[in-house]
Amino acid sequence: MANKNKGNVQIIRLRSTESHHCYYTKKNKKNTPGKMELRKYDPVIKRHTLYRESGKA
């Protein structure tokens, strides 16, 4: 089976700052070397919140 983290693209986990919910997405390490922060919809609390990168998937 192929390595998931080969090259510049990583699969990362984005965790909500207000609940336990998380999203999984891809990130290009070359274009975005720092930690990602996105505002996304949180279905647990039913509103948009800040999601921060919390490590590899």
PDB file of N, CA and C in Angstrom:
ATOM      1  N   MET A   1       0.841  -1.173   0.000  1.00  0.00           N
ATOM      2  CA  MET A   1       0.000   0.000   0.000  1.00  0.00           C
ATOM      3  C   MET A   1       0.889   1.240   0.000  1.00  0.00           C
ATOM      4  N   ALA A   2       0.460   2.251  -0.719  1.00  0.00           N
ATOM      5  CA  ALA A   2       1.255   3.471  -0.867  1.00  0.00           C
ATOM      6  C   ALA A   2       1.217   4.311   0.412  1.00  0.00           C
ATOM      7  N   ASN A   3       2.276   5.079   0.615  1.00  0.00           N
ATOM      8  CA  ASN A   3       2.366   5.980   1.767  1.00  0.00           C
ATOM      9  C   ASN A   3       1.433   7.164   1.563  1.00  0.00           C
ATOM     10  N   LYS A   4       0.602   7.486   2.553  1.00  0.00           N
ATOM     11  CA  LYS A   4      -0.353   8.583   2.429  1.00  0.00           C
ATOM     12  C   LYS A   4       0.318   9.952   2.416  1.00  0.00           C
ATOM     13  N   ASN A   5       1.460  10.108   3.077  1.00  0.00           N
ATOM     14  CA  ASN A   5       2.085  11.418   3.239  1.00  0.00           C
ATOM     15  C   ASN A   5       3.293  11.608   2.326  1.00  0.00           C
ATOM     16  N   LYS A   6       3.292  10.987   1.174  1.00  0.00           N
ATOM     17  CA  LYS A   6       4.409  11.101   0.257  1.00  0.00           C
ATOM     18  C   LYS A   6       4.286  12.414  -0.523  1.00  0.00           C
ATOM     19  N   GLY A   7       5.365  13.160  -0.612  1.00  0.00           N
ATOM     20  CA  GLY A   7       5.345  14.415  -1.353  1.00  0.00           C
ATOM     21  C   GLY A   7       4.972  15.585  -0.465  1.00  0.00           C
ATOM     22  N   ASN A   8       4.427  16.621  -1.087  1.00  0.00           N
ATOM     23  CA  ASN A   8       4.105  17.854  -0.373  1.00  0.00           C
ATOM     24  C   ASN A   8       2.703  17.867   0.225  1.00  0.00           C
ATOM     25  N   VAL A   9       1.854  16.930  -0.146  1.00  0.00           N
ATOM     26  CA  VAL A   9       0.463  16.952   0.303  1.00  0.00           C
ATOM     27  C   VAL A   9       0.295  16.034   1.509  1.00  0.00           C
ATOM     28  N   GLN A  10      -0.352  16.569   2.565  1.00  0.00           N
ATOM     29  CA  GLN A  10      -0.634  15.813   3.787  1.00  0.00           C
ATOM     30  C   GLN A  10      -2.129  15.781   4.030  1.00  0.00           C
ATOM     31  N   ILE A  11      -2.616  14.732   4.664  1.00  0.00           N
ATOM     32  CA  ILE A  11      -3.984  14.705   5.158  1.00  0.00           C
ATOM     33  C   ILE A  11      -3.919  15.145   6.615  1.00  0.00           C
ATOM     34  N   ILE A  12      -4.694  16.176   6.961  1.00  0.00           N
ATOM     35  CA  ILE A  12      -4.664  16.726   8.320  1.00  0.00           C
ATOM     36  C   ILE A  12      -6.061  16.705   8.928  1.00  0.00           C
ATOM     37  N   ARG A  13      -6.111  16.843  10.241  1.00  0.00           N
ATOM     38  CA  ARG A  13      -7.370  16.913  10.978  1.00  0.00           C
ATOM     39  C   ARG A  13      -7.571  18.343  11.457  1.00  0.00           C
ATOM     40  N   LEU A  14      -8.767  18.895  11.210  1.00  0.00           N
ATOM     41  CA  LEU A  14      -9.139  20.208  11.728  1.00  0.00           C
ATOM     42  C   LEU A  14     -10.132  19.986  12.852  1.00  0.00           C
ATOM     43  N   ARG A  15      -9.797  20.438  14.063  1.00  0.00           N
ATOM     44  CA  ARG A  15     -10.644  20.231  15.234  1.00  0.00           C
ATOM     45  C   ARG A  15     -11.296  21.549  15.642  1.00  0.00           C
ATOM     46  N   SER A  16     -12.578  21.491  15.982  1.00  0.00           N
ATOM     47  CA  SER A  16     -13.331  22.654  16.416  1.00  0.00           C
ATOM     48  C   SER A  16     -12.795  23.176  17.740  1.00  0.00           C
ATOM     49  N   THR A  17     -12.793  24.493  17.906  1.00  0.00           N
ATOM     50  CA  THR A  17     -12.341  25.086  19.157  1.00  0.00           C
ATOM     51  C   THR A  17     -13.443  25.087  20.216  1.00  0.00           C
ATOM     52  N   GLU A  18     -14.699  24.787  19.811  1.00  0.00           N
ATOM     53  CA  GLU A  18     -15.800  24.858  20.761  1.00  0.00           C
ATOM     54  C   GLU A  18     -16.497  23.525  21.027  1.00  0.00           C
ATOM     55  N   SER A  19     -16.161  22.478  20.279  1.00  0.00           N
ATOM     56  CA  SER A  19     -16.766  21.167  20.528  1.00  0.00           C
ATOM     57  C   SER A  19     -15.773  20.077  20.137  1.00  0.00           C
ATOM     58  N   HIS A  20     -16.228  18.838  20.117  1.00  0.00           N
ATOM     59  CA  HIS A  20     -15.358  17.712  19.792  1.00  0.00           C
ATOM     60  C   HIS A  20     -15.327  17.378  18.304  1.00  0.00           C
ATOM     61  N   HIS A  21     -16.095  18.072  17.485  1.00  0.00           N
ATOM     62  CA  HIS A  21     -16.221  17.759  16.069  1.00  0.00           C
ATOM     63  C   HIS A  21     -14.933  18.062  15.311  1.00  0.00           C
ATOM     64  N   CYS A  22     -14.646  17.276  14.255  1.00  0.00           N
ATOM     65  CA  CYS A  22     -13.465  17.540  13.436  1.00  0.00           C
ATOM     66  C   CYS A  22     -13.728  17.206  11.977  1.00  0.00           C
ATOM     67  N   TYR A  23     -13.002  17.885  11.107  1.00  0.00           N
ATOM     68  CA  TYR A  23     -13.017  17.650   9.667  1.00  0.00           C
ATOM     69  C   TYR A  23     -11.654  17.125   9.263  1.00  0.00           C
ATOM     70  N   TYR A  24     -11.587  16.393   8.149  1.00  0.00           N
ATOM     71  CA  TYR A  24     -10.326  15.936   7.575  1.00  0.00           C
ATOM     72  C   TYR A  24     -10.181  16.565   6.199  1.00  0.00           C
ATOM     73  N   THR A  25      -8.993  17.070   5.904  1.00  0.00           N
ATOM     74  CA  THR A  25      -8.749  17.729   4.629  1.00  0.00           C
ATOM     75  C   THR A  25      -7.296  17.542   4.221  1.00  0.00           C
ATOM     76  N   LYS A  26      -6.968  17.976   3.015  1.00  0.00           N
ATOM     77  CA  LYS A  26      -5.593  17.900   2.520  1.00  0.00           C
ATOM     78  C   LYS A  26      -4.952  19.275   2.594  1.00  0.00           C
ATOM     79  N   LYS A  27      -3.629  19.279   2.792  1.00  0.00           N
ATOM     80  CA  LYS A  27      -2.879  20.522   2.884  1.00  0.00           C
ATOM     81  C   LYS A  27      -1.565  20.351   2.148  1.00  0.00           C
ATOM     82  N   ASN A  28      -1.182  21.348   1.366  1.00  0.00           N
ATOM     83  CA  ASN A  28       0.100  21.349   0.686  1.00  0.00           C
ATOM     84  C   ASN A  28       1.119  21.999   1.614  1.00  0.00           C
ATOM     85  N   LYS A  29       2.100  21.215   2.088  1.00  0.00           N
ATOM     86  CA  LYS A  29       3.093  21.716   3.045  1.00  0.00           C
ATOM     87  C   LYS A  29       3.942  22.835   2.461  1.00  0.00           C
ATOM     88  N   LYS A  30       4.173  22.807   1.156  1.00  0.00           N
ATOM     89  CA  LYS A  30       5.013  23.806   0.514  1.00  0.00           C
ATOM     90  C   LYS A  30       4.319  25.175   0.471  1.00  0.00           C
ATOM     91  N   ASN A  31       3.023  25.198   0.181  1.00  0.00           N
ATOM     92  CA  ASN A  31       2.279  26.457   0.091  1.00  0.00           C
ATOM     93  C   ASN A  31       1.834  26.978   1.452  1.00  0.00           C
ATOM     94  N   THR A  32       1.566  26.100   2.405  1.00  0.00           N
ATOM     95  CA  THR A  32       1.072  26.467   3.729  1.00  0.00           C
ATOM     96  C   THR A  32       1.922  25.792   4.796  1.00  0.00           C
ATOM     97  N   PRO A  33       3.082  26.336   5.116  1.00  0.00           N
ATOM     98  CA  PRO A  33       3.961  25.653   6.065  1.00  0.00           C
ATOM     99  C   PRO A  33       3.475  25.717   7.516  1.00  0.00           C
ATOM    100  N   GLY A  34       2.680  26.730   7.875  1.00  0.00           N
ATOM    101  CA  GLY A  34       2.202  26.869   9.251  1.00  0.00           C
ATOM    102  C   GLY A  34       0.938  26.068   9.497  1.00  0.00           C
ATOM    103  N   LYS A  35       0.363  26.221  10.691  1.00  0.00           N
ATOM    104  CA  LYS A  35      -0.877  25.537  11.046  1.00  0.00           C
ATOM    105  C   LYS A  35      -2.054  26.238  10.374  1.00  0.00           C
ATOM    106  N   MET A  36      -3.008  25.438   9.895  1.00  0.00           N
ATOM    107  CA  MET A  36      -4.190  25.987   9.240  1.00  0.00           C
ATOM    108  C   MET A  36      -5.253  26.352  10.265  1.00  0.00           C
ATOM    109  N   GLU A  37      -5.996  27.432   9.977  1.00  0.00           N
ATOM    110  CA  GLU A  37      -7.164  27.822  10.758  1.00  0.00           C
ATOM    111  C   GLU A  37      -8.248  28.224   9.773  1.00  0.00           C
ATOM    112  N   LEU A  38      -9.418  27.614   9.892  1.00  0.00           N
ATOM    113  CA  LEU A  38     -10.533  27.895   9.004  1.00  0.00           C
ATOM    114  C   LEU A  38     -11.803  28.067   9.825  1.00  0.00           C
ATOM    115  N   ARG A  39     -12.717  28.897   9.313  1.00  0.00           N
ATOM    116  CA  ARG A  39     -14.047  28.979   9.909  1.00  0.00           C
ATOM    117  C   ARG A  39     -14.958  28.072   9.110  1.00  0.00           C
ATOM    118  N   LYS A  40     -15.505  27.056   9.791  1.00  0.00           N
ATOM    119  CA  LYS A  40     -16.372  26.085   9.142  1.00  0.00           C
ATOM    120  C   LYS A  40     -17.608  25.863  10.011  1.00  0.00           C
ATOM    121  N   TYR A  41     -18.627  25.244   9.428  1.00  0.00           N
ATOM    122  CA  TYR A  41     -19.860  24.966  10.150  1.00  0.00           C
ATOM    123  C   TYR A  41     -19.659  23.795  11.102  1.00  0.00           C
ATOM    124  N   ASP A  42     -20.072  23.973  12.342  1.00  0.00           N
ATOM    125  CA  ASP A  42     -19.998  22.929  13.360  1.00  0.00           C
ATOM    126  C   ASP A  42     -21.411  22.379  13.579  1.00  0.00           C
ATOM    127  N   PRO A  43     -21.689  21.145  13.139  1.00  0.00           N
ATOM    128  CA  PRO A  43     -23.041  20.601  13.290  1.00  0.00           C
ATOM    129  C   PRO A  43     -23.429  20.267  14.719  1.00  0.00           C
ATOM    130  N   VAL A  44     -22.471  20.167  15.617  1.00  0.00           N
ATOM    131  CA  VAL A  44     -22.774  19.852  17.018  1.00  0.00           C
ATOM    132  C   VAL A  44     -23.450  21.045  17.697  1.00  0.00           C
ATOM    133  N   ILE A  45     -22.886  22.245  17.496  1.00  0.00           N
ATOM    134  CA  ILE A  45     -23.463  23.437  18.125  1.00  0.00           C
ATOM    135  C   ILE A  45     -24.266  24.285  17.148  1.00  0.00           C
ATOM    136  N   LYS A  46     -24.332  23.854  15.884  1.00  0.00           N
ATOM    137  CA  LYS A  46     -25.172  24.448  14.835  1.00  0.00           C
ATOM    138  C   LYS A  46     -24.842  25.904  14.528  1.00  0.00           C
ATOM    139  N   ARG A  47     -23.553  26.194  14.383  1.00  0.00           N
ATOM    140  CA  ARG A  47     -23.111  27.518  13.930  1.00  0.00           C
ATOM    141  C   ARG A  47     -21.670  27.427  13.443  1.00  0.00           C
ATOM    142  N   HIS A  48     -21.189  28.475  12.801  1.00  0.00           N
ATOM    143  CA  HIS A  48     -19.825  28.510  12.306  1.00  0.00           C
ATOM    144  C   HIS A  48     -18.857  28.809  13.451  1.00  0.00           C
ATOM    145  N   THR A  49     -17.765  28.060  13.493  1.00  0.00           N
ATOM    146  CA  THR A  49     -16.744  28.252  14.524  1.00  0.00           C
ATOM    147  C   THR A  49     -15.367  28.133  13.897  1.00  0.00           C
ATOM    148  N   LEU A  50     -14.358  28.416  14.674  1.00  0.00           N
ATOM    149  CA  LEU A  50     -12.979  28.318  14.226  1.00  0.00           C
ATOM    150  C   LEU A  50     -12.491  26.882  14.367  1.00  0.00           C
ATOM    151  N   TYR A  51     -11.888  26.364  13.307  1.00  0.00           N
ATOM    152  CA  TYR A  51     -11.291  25.030  13.309  1.00  0.00           C
ATOM    153  C   TYR A  51      -9.790  25.199  13.154  1.00  0.00           C
ATOM    154  N   ARG A  52      -9.009  24.507  13.987  1.00  0.00           N
ATOM    155  CA  ARG A  52      -7.557  24.576  13.948  1.00  0.00           C
ATOM    156  C   ARG A  52      -6.986  23.220  13.609  1.00  0.00           C
ATOM    157  N   GLU A  53      -5.836  23.240  12.945  1.00  0.00           N
ATOM    158  CA  GLU A  53      -5.133  22.004  12.619  1.00  0.00           C
ATOM    159  C   GLU A  53      -4.648  21.349  13.905  1.00  0.00           C
ATOM    160  N   SER A  54      -4.935  20.055  14.037  1.00  0.00           N
ATOM    161  CA  SER A  54      -4.541  19.363  15.268  1.00  0.00           C
ATOM    162  C   SER A  54      -3.750  18.103  14.972  1.00  0.00           C
ATOM    163  N   GLY A  55      -2.996  18.085  13.915  1.00  0.00           N
ATOM    164  CA  GLY A  55      -2.138  16.940  13.629  1.00  0.00           C
ATOM    165  C   GLY A  55      -2.544  16.183  12.394  1.00  0.00           C
ATOM    166  N   LYS A  56      -1.756  15.154  12.108  1.00  0.00           N
ATOM    167  CA  LYS A  56      -1.997  14.324  10.930  1.00  0.00           C
ATOM    168  C   LYS A  56      -3.112  13.332  11.193  1.00  0.00           C
ATOM    169  N   ALA A  57      -3.750  12.924  10.123  1.00  0.00           N
ATOM    170  CA  ALA A  57      -4.846  11.962  10.242  1.00  0.00           C
ATOM    171  C   ALA A  57      -4.339  10.540  10.305  1.00  0.00           C
TER     172      ALA A  57
END
